[in-house]
N, C-alpha and C. Protein backbone atom coordinates (compact mmCIF):
# COMPACT_ATOMS: atom_id res chain seq x y z
N MET A 1 -34.06 33.26 -22.74
CA MET A 1 -33.87 33.37 -21.33
C MET A 1 -33.36 31.73 -21.07
N ARG A 2 -33.43 30.71 -21.98
CA ARG A 2 -32.75 29.55 -22.05
C ARG A 2 -31.15 30.12 -22.24
N HIS A 3 -30.77 30.94 -22.65
CA HIS A 3 -29.51 30.90 -22.89
C HIS A 3 -28.76 31.77 -21.71
N TYR A 4 -30.00 32.44 -20.87
CA TYR A 4 -29.40 33.13 -19.63
C TYR A 4 -28.85 32.11 -18.51
N ARG A 5 -30.16 31.10 -18.77
CA ARG A 5 -29.90 30.37 -17.46
C ARG A 5 -28.98 29.62 -17.83
N ASN A 6 -28.30 29.04 -18.84
CA ASN A 6 -27.13 28.29 -19.14
C ASN A 6 -25.93 29.22 -18.72
N ASN A 7 -25.84 30.44 -18.81
CA ASN A 7 -24.73 31.28 -18.36
C ASN A 7 -24.60 31.30 -17.01
N ILE A 8 -25.84 31.12 -16.20
CA ILE A 8 -25.96 31.32 -14.56
C ILE A 8 -25.15 29.93 -14.07
N VAL A 9 -25.69 28.98 -14.73
CA VAL A 9 -25.04 27.48 -14.40
C VAL A 9 -23.79 27.33 -14.70
N ALA A 10 -23.32 28.00 -15.68
CA ALA A 10 -21.78 27.66 -16.11
C ALA A 10 -20.79 28.64 -15.25
N ILE A 11 -21.44 29.92 -15.07
CA ILE A 11 -20.54 30.72 -14.13
C ILE A 11 -20.76 30.11 -12.53
N SER A 12 -21.92 29.54 -12.10
CA SER A 12 -21.82 28.85 -10.85
C SER A 12 -20.99 27.59 -10.89
N PHE A 13 -20.99 27.18 -11.40
CA PHE A 13 -20.07 25.72 -11.65
C PHE A 13 -18.45 26.48 -11.73
N LEU A 14 -18.32 27.13 -12.47
CA LEU A 14 -16.74 27.82 -12.45
C LEU A 14 -16.32 28.38 -10.99
N LEU A 15 -17.43 29.05 -10.30
CA LEU A 15 -17.23 29.80 -9.03
C LEU A 15 -16.93 28.68 -7.94
N VAL A 16 -17.43 27.35 -8.11
CA VAL A 16 -17.58 26.32 -7.38
C VAL A 16 -16.18 26.02 -7.36
N LEU A 17 -15.65 25.67 -8.89
CA LEU A 17 -14.54 24.97 -9.17
C LEU A 17 -13.42 25.91 -8.92
N ILE A 18 -13.26 27.23 -8.92
CA ILE A 18 -12.04 28.24 -8.30
C ILE A 18 -12.14 27.75 -6.81
N VAL A 19 -13.37 27.87 -5.91
CA VAL A 19 -13.28 27.48 -4.53
C VAL A 19 -12.37 26.34 -4.23
N PHE A 20 -12.70 25.17 -4.89
CA PHE A 20 -12.16 23.74 -4.43
C PHE A 20 -10.66 23.84 -4.76
N ALA A 21 -10.49 24.38 -6.12
CA ALA A 21 -9.04 24.69 -6.58
C ALA A 21 -8.18 25.26 -5.89
N GLY A 22 -8.68 26.39 -5.11
CA GLY A 22 -8.04 27.21 -4.22
C GLY A 22 -7.72 26.59 -3.20
N GLY A 23 -8.41 25.27 -2.49
CA GLY A 23 -8.56 24.95 -1.37
C GLY A 23 -8.79 24.95 -0.03
N CYS A 24 -8.73 24.76 0.56
CA CYS A 24 -9.89 24.58 2.05
C CYS A 24 -8.97 25.77 2.55
N ARG A 25 -7.73 25.68 2.68
CA ARG A 25 -6.97 26.50 3.69
C ARG A 25 -6.68 27.78 3.42
N SER A 26 -6.46 28.12 2.21
CA SER A 26 -6.36 29.77 1.66
C SER A 26 -7.00 30.59 2.36
N TRP A 27 -8.18 30.28 3.12
CA TRP A 27 -8.74 31.35 3.77
C TRP A 27 -7.99 31.32 5.17
N MET A 28 -7.30 30.60 5.59
CA MET A 28 -6.89 30.46 7.09
C MET A 28 -5.45 31.42 7.02
N SER A 29 -5.24 31.69 8.61
CA SER A 29 -3.94 32.56 8.25
C SER A 29 -2.78 31.40 8.59
N SER A 30 -1.48 31.99 8.31
CA SER A 30 -0.50 31.17 8.81
C SER A 30 -0.39 30.51 9.73
N ASN A 31 -0.71 31.50 11.00
CA ASN A 31 -0.95 30.85 12.49
C ASN A 31 -1.80 29.74 12.63
N GLU A 32 -2.98 29.89 11.91
CA GLU A 32 -3.91 29.00 11.78
C GLU A 32 -3.37 27.43 11.24
N ILE A 33 -2.67 27.78 10.46
CA ILE A 33 -2.42 26.68 9.47
C ILE A 33 -1.15 26.23 10.08
N TRP A 34 -0.55 26.48 10.69
CA TRP A 34 0.57 25.86 11.57
C TRP A 34 -0.11 25.16 12.78
N LYS A 35 -1.13 25.73 13.28
CA LYS A 35 -1.86 24.97 14.47
C LYS A 35 -2.53 23.81 13.89
N SER A 36 -2.86 23.85 12.59
CA SER A 36 -3.68 22.98 12.14
C SER A 36 -2.63 21.49 11.83
N ASP A 37 -1.79 22.06 11.15
CA ASP A 37 -0.72 20.90 10.87
C ASP A 37 -0.10 20.24 11.92
N GLU A 38 -0.12 21.25 12.82
CA GLU A 38 0.62 20.27 14.14
C GLU A 38 -0.41 19.51 14.71
N LYS A 39 -1.63 20.15 14.89
CA LYS A 39 -2.46 18.83 15.44
C LYS A 39 -2.84 17.38 14.49
N MET A 40 -2.33 17.77 13.41
CA MET A 40 -2.88 16.28 12.45
C MET A 40 -1.71 15.71 12.21
N PHE A 41 -0.32 16.16 12.65
CA PHE A 41 0.90 15.55 12.04
C PHE A 41 1.77 14.91 13.17
N ARG A 42 1.46 15.68 14.46
CA ARG A 42 2.17 15.68 15.54
C ARG A 42 2.67 13.76 15.87
N ALA A 43 1.63 12.86 15.83
CA ALA A 43 2.07 11.14 16.33
C ALA A 43 2.89 11.18 15.33
N ASP A 44 2.71 10.98 13.71
CA ASP A 44 3.49 10.62 13.03
C ASP A 44 5.03 11.43 13.29
N LEU A 45 5.01 12.58 13.26
CA LEU A 45 6.59 13.17 13.74
C LEU A 45 7.19 12.87 14.57
N ASP A 46 6.58 12.50 16.03
CA ASP A 46 7.00 11.60 17.04
C ASP A 46 7.73 10.46 16.81
N VAL A 47 7.06 9.77 16.06
CA VAL A 47 7.56 8.42 15.46
C VAL A 47 8.45 8.50 14.60
N ARG A 48 8.14 9.20 13.81
CA ARG A 48 9.33 9.13 12.86
C ARG A 48 10.85 9.98 13.10
N TYR A 49 10.53 10.87 13.98
CA TYR A 49 11.80 11.64 14.45
C TYR A 49 11.83 11.94 16.15
N PRO A 50 12.17 10.68 16.80
CA PRO A 50 12.02 11.14 18.33
C PRO A 50 13.05 12.21 18.65
N LEU A 51 12.44 13.03 19.65
CA LEU A 51 13.50 14.37 20.19
C LEU A 51 14.53 13.68 20.78
N ASN A 52 15.74 14.49 20.77
CA ASN A 52 16.97 13.98 20.95
C ASN A 52 17.67 12.85 20.00
N THR A 53 17.37 12.83 19.06
CA THR A 53 18.05 12.00 17.94
C THR A 53 19.22 12.94 17.37
N LEU A 54 20.28 12.23 17.28
CA LEU A 54 21.25 12.88 16.35
C LEU A 54 21.21 13.56 14.90
N LYS A 55 21.63 14.62 14.70
CA LYS A 55 21.32 14.72 13.09
C LYS A 55 22.18 13.82 11.96
N SER A 56 23.51 13.69 12.45
CA SER A 56 24.23 12.47 11.93
C SER A 56 23.42 11.11 11.69
N GLU A 57 22.51 10.61 12.74
CA GLU A 57 21.62 9.38 12.59
C GLU A 57 20.92 9.69 11.74
N LEU A 58 19.84 10.39 11.39
CA LEU A 58 19.13 10.84 10.43
C LEU A 58 19.38 10.69 9.22
N LEU A 59 20.54 11.72 9.06
CA LEU A 59 21.32 11.82 7.37
C LEU A 59 21.75 10.41 7.32
N ALA A 60 21.81 9.77 7.90
CA ALA A 60 22.44 7.92 7.71
C ALA A 60 21.59 7.36 7.22
N LYS A 61 20.18 7.63 6.82
CA LYS A 61 19.30 7.00 6.58
C LYS A 61 19.34 7.00 5.10
N PRO A 62 18.94 5.82 4.50
CA PRO A 62 18.82 5.74 2.94
C PRO A 62 17.85 6.83 2.22
N LYS A 63 17.72 7.20 1.48
CA LYS A 63 17.62 8.44 0.38
C LYS A 63 15.85 8.41 0.70
N GLN A 64 15.51 6.73 0.56
CA GLN A 64 14.06 6.35 0.50
C GLN A 64 13.43 6.42 1.67
N GLU A 65 14.11 6.76 2.99
CA GLU A 65 13.59 7.08 4.02
C GLU A 65 13.33 8.29 4.65
N LEU A 66 14.65 9.00 3.83
CA LEU A 66 14.69 10.59 4.46
C LEU A 66 15.49 11.33 3.32
N ASP A 67 14.26 12.01 2.61
CA ASP A 67 14.64 12.77 1.00
C ASP A 67 15.08 14.03 1.84
N VAL A 68 16.08 14.30 2.03
CA VAL A 68 16.77 15.74 2.36
C VAL A 68 16.75 16.51 0.94
N TRP A 69 15.87 17.83 1.24
CA TRP A 69 15.52 18.73 0.28
C TRP A 69 16.66 19.85 0.47
N GLU A 70 16.89 20.12 1.58
CA GLU A 70 17.74 21.24 2.37
C GLU A 70 18.21 21.57 3.45
N LYS A 71 19.32 21.73 3.54
CA LYS A 71 19.97 21.59 4.70
C LYS A 71 20.10 23.51 5.13
N ALA A 72 20.01 23.78 6.22
CA ALA A 72 20.36 25.40 6.54
C ALA A 72 20.95 25.57 7.83
N THR A 73 21.69 26.32 8.29
CA THR A 73 22.46 26.66 9.28
C THR A 73 21.82 28.14 9.77
N ARG A 74 21.62 28.53 10.80
CA ARG A 74 21.24 29.82 11.11
C ARG A 74 22.73 30.64 11.18
N PRO A 75 21.73 31.77 10.74
CA PRO A 75 23.14 32.91 10.69
C PRO A 75 22.97 33.57 12.11
N ASP A 76 24.13 34.21 12.29
CA ASP A 76 24.65 34.73 13.55
C ASP A 76 23.43 36.03 14.14
N ALA A 77 22.96 36.38 13.17
CA ALA A 77 21.92 37.72 13.41
C ALA A 77 20.34 36.74 13.72
N GLY A 78 20.34 35.51 13.18
CA GLY A 78 18.83 34.75 13.26
C GLY A 78 18.23 34.37 12.02
N TRP A 79 17.43 33.57 12.05
CA TRP A 79 16.62 33.26 10.72
C TRP A 79 16.08 34.16 10.09
N GLN A 80 15.85 35.04 10.63
CA GLN A 80 14.88 35.99 9.76
C GLN A 80 16.05 37.02 8.71
N THR A 81 17.17 36.63 8.76
CA THR A 81 18.22 37.75 8.15
C THR A 81 18.56 36.79 7.26
N MET A 82 18.14 35.61 6.66
CA MET A 82 18.74 34.53 5.96
C MET A 82 18.35 35.08 4.39
N LYS A 83 19.23 35.35 3.45
CA LYS A 83 18.83 35.85 2.33
C LYS A 83 18.14 34.92 1.25
N ASP A 84 18.51 33.80 1.13
CA ASP A 84 18.18 32.79 0.14
C ASP A 84 17.28 32.12 1.13
N ASP A 85 15.76 31.90 0.60
CA ASP A 85 14.95 30.93 1.59
C ASP A 85 13.99 30.43 0.60
N SER A 86 14.42 30.12 -0.55
CA SER A 86 13.37 29.48 -1.43
C SER A 86 12.58 28.51 -1.11
N HIS A 87 12.83 27.84 0.14
CA HIS A 87 12.21 26.66 0.55
C HIS A 87 11.26 27.13 1.66
N GLY A 88 11.49 27.95 2.46
CA GLY A 88 11.14 28.50 3.34
C GLY A 88 11.38 27.95 4.88
N VAL A 89 12.59 27.32 4.59
CA VAL A 89 13.76 26.56 5.93
C VAL A 89 13.81 27.83 6.70
N ALA A 90 14.09 29.06 6.82
CA ALA A 90 14.16 29.94 7.29
C ALA A 90 13.18 30.39 8.40
N GLU A 91 12.17 30.70 7.27
CA GLU A 91 10.45 30.78 7.76
C GLU A 91 10.19 30.33 8.96
N MET A 92 10.14 28.42 8.74
CA MET A 92 10.02 27.74 9.67
C MET A 92 11.01 27.32 10.89
N ALA A 93 11.88 27.62 10.62
CA ALA A 93 12.71 27.93 11.88
C ALA A 93 12.77 28.98 12.68
N ASN A 94 12.31 30.08 11.65
CA ASN A 94 12.30 31.34 12.84
C ASN A 94 10.83 31.35 13.58
N ARG A 95 9.56 30.62 13.00
CA ARG A 95 8.45 30.19 13.71
C ARG A 95 8.84 28.98 15.07
N PHE A 96 9.17 28.08 14.79
CA PHE A 96 9.94 27.29 15.67
C PHE A 96 10.27 27.94 16.84
N GLU A 97 11.40 28.77 16.47
CA GLU A 97 11.95 29.55 17.42
C GLU A 97 10.99 30.37 18.39
N GLN A 98 10.05 31.09 17.79
CA GLN A 98 9.19 32.07 18.40
C GLN A 98 7.97 31.33 19.28
N ARG A 99 7.65 29.96 18.71
CA ARG A 99 6.92 29.27 19.46
C ARG A 99 7.10 28.55 20.74
N SER A 100 8.36 28.02 20.70
CA SER A 100 9.25 27.44 21.42
C SER A 100 10.12 27.88 22.34
N GLY A 101 10.67 29.17 22.37
CA GLY A 101 11.53 29.51 23.05
C GLY A 101 13.05 29.03 22.76
N LYS A 102 13.00 27.85 21.68
CA LYS A 102 14.21 27.26 21.98
C LYS A 102 15.06 27.88 20.49
N ILE A 103 16.59 27.76 20.71
CA ILE A 103 17.38 28.27 19.31
C ILE A 103 17.17 26.84 18.43
N ALA A 104 17.08 26.77 17.40
CA ALA A 104 17.55 26.18 16.50
C ALA A 104 18.54 26.71 15.53
N VAL A 105 19.78 26.08 15.60
CA VAL A 105 21.02 26.06 15.46
C VAL A 105 21.09 25.78 13.72
N SER A 106 20.36 24.67 13.52
CA SER A 106 20.23 24.21 11.87
C SER A 106 18.99 23.62 11.77
N CYS A 107 18.62 23.30 10.68
CA CYS A 107 17.43 22.68 10.03
C CYS A 107 17.51 21.74 8.67
N LEU A 108 16.64 20.83 8.93
CA LEU A 108 16.52 19.91 7.76
C LEU A 108 15.29 20.18 7.17
N MET A 109 14.98 19.86 5.62
CA MET A 109 13.42 20.00 4.97
C MET A 109 13.82 18.73 4.50
N ILE A 110 12.85 18.07 4.90
CA ILE A 110 12.46 16.84 4.21
C ILE A 110 11.39 16.33 3.41
N ASN A 111 11.94 15.98 2.18
CA ASN A 111 10.34 15.85 1.40
C ASN A 111 9.72 14.49 1.55
N VAL A 112 8.42 14.51 1.97
CA VAL A 112 7.76 13.04 2.16
C VAL A 112 6.33 13.55 1.31
N SER A 113 6.35 13.70 0.23
CA SER A 113 5.41 13.69 -0.67
C SER A 113 4.98 12.47 -1.21
N SER A 114 5.91 11.64 -1.37
CA SER A 114 5.86 10.53 -2.43
C SER A 114 4.36 9.65 -2.08
N GLU A 115 3.72 9.95 -0.98
CA GLU A 115 2.54 9.25 -0.56
C GLU A 115 1.27 10.09 -1.32
N VAL A 116 1.27 11.20 -1.67
CA VAL A 116 -0.04 12.08 -1.67
C VAL A 116 0.45 13.05 -2.64
N LYS A 117 1.14 12.55 -4.03
CA LYS A 117 1.36 13.28 -5.10
C LYS A 117 0.34 13.99 -5.90
N ARG A 118 -0.68 13.48 -5.64
CA ARG A 118 -1.71 13.90 -6.56
C ARG A 118 -2.31 15.45 -6.47
N ARG A 119 -2.52 15.40 -4.87
CA ARG A 119 -3.37 16.39 -4.51
C ARG A 119 -2.25 17.24 -3.88
N GLY A 120 -1.18 16.90 -3.09
CA GLY A 120 -0.35 17.97 -2.71
C GLY A 120 1.00 17.23 -2.09
N GLY A 121 1.24 17.62 -1.38
CA GLY A 121 2.54 17.11 -0.93
C GLY A 121 3.17 17.55 0.72
N SER A 122 3.83 17.12 1.19
CA SER A 122 4.12 17.29 2.70
C SER A 122 5.42 17.58 2.68
N PHE A 123 6.03 18.31 3.60
CA PHE A 123 7.43 18.56 3.89
C PHE A 123 7.67 18.80 5.49
N ASP A 124 8.53 18.16 5.80
CA ASP A 124 9.09 17.98 7.09
C ASP A 124 10.15 18.94 7.84
N TYR A 125 10.06 19.64 8.82
CA TYR A 125 11.35 20.32 8.98
C TYR A 125 11.65 20.05 10.37
N LEU A 126 12.80 19.67 10.26
CA LEU A 126 13.69 19.43 11.67
C LEU A 126 14.34 20.36 12.05
N PHE A 127 14.43 20.43 13.26
CA PHE A 127 15.31 21.49 13.87
C PHE A 127 16.15 21.02 15.14
N PHE A 128 17.41 21.30 15.05
CA PHE A 128 18.62 20.83 15.79
C PHE A 128 19.00 22.16 16.71
N ASP A 129 19.61 21.70 17.92
CA ASP A 129 20.53 22.53 18.72
C ASP A 129 22.03 22.34 18.29
N LEU A 130 22.46 23.06 19.49
CA LEU A 130 23.93 23.37 19.08
C LEU A 130 25.01 22.05 19.36
N ASN A 131 24.11 21.20 19.70
CA ASN A 131 25.08 19.64 20.22
C ASN A 131 24.62 18.84 18.68
N GLU A 132 23.42 19.51 17.63
CA GLU A 132 23.11 18.49 16.68
C GLU A 132 22.15 17.43 17.27
N ARG A 133 21.42 18.09 18.23
CA ARG A 133 20.28 16.90 18.47
C ARG A 133 18.96 17.31 17.87
N LEU A 134 18.20 16.67 17.92
CA LEU A 134 16.50 17.08 17.69
C LEU A 134 15.98 17.90 18.22
N ILE A 135 15.71 19.18 18.13
CA ILE A 135 14.93 19.80 19.46
C ILE A 135 13.44 19.97 19.14
N GLY A 136 13.09 19.83 17.84
CA GLY A 136 11.46 19.98 17.46
C GLY A 136 11.48 19.51 15.75
N SER A 137 10.22 19.31 15.33
CA SER A 137 10.09 19.16 14.04
C SER A 137 8.22 19.77 13.93
N HIS A 138 8.16 19.83 12.32
CA HIS A 138 6.95 20.35 11.77
C HIS A 138 6.68 19.76 10.76
N ARG A 139 5.47 19.51 10.33
CA ARG A 139 5.49 19.18 8.94
C ARG A 139 4.47 20.06 8.60
N LEU A 140 4.39 20.58 7.28
CA LEU A 140 3.85 21.69 6.15
C LEU A 140 3.46 20.69 5.31
N TRP A 141 2.03 20.89 5.26
CA TRP A 141 1.18 19.99 4.12
C TRP A 141 0.96 21.13 3.09
N ALA A 142 1.23 21.02 1.60
CA ALA A 142 1.18 21.97 0.62
C ALA A 142 0.23 21.52 -0.16
N GLU A 143 -0.73 22.50 -0.64
CA GLU A 143 -1.75 21.68 -1.57
C GLU A 143 -1.01 22.52 -3.18
N TRP A 144 -1.11 21.34 -4.25
CA TRP A 144 -0.63 21.90 -5.43
C TRP A 144 -1.98 22.65 -5.93
N MET A 145 -1.26 23.83 -6.51
CA MET A 145 -2.73 24.45 -7.15
C MET A 145 -2.27 24.26 -8.63
N LEU A 146 -3.55 23.53 -9.19
CA LEU A 146 -3.34 23.22 -10.61
C LEU A 146 -4.34 24.23 -11.49
């Protein structure tokens, strides 16, 4: 009987650990995650990246302020046709276009993870129009799966 009880306790502990290791957001749809991230990070994004800022102004910042991981330009047929999207830039730009009704001609992916390396990291996606002015931004929080 004692051996059986120890197994139940061990299994229960493992199940709780798996749920927490998977992250609380794993049950959310991508649309729910987008809305959740948007509410949480909007104020900081507006301060860091004011709308209508030129892309060249942002890129002139030192790497400590703006750690660019990827730059991408919209294919003529749209972001959804982009072949190499290893960092999700095309997916984020496509979602931005669908939600805002604006055309993002280019996108920068910025690493802002240095503050939260242990639990996860944040990536800012900056969307620019034809005149290379910032028309929108989005922060994605990514939990590290250990």
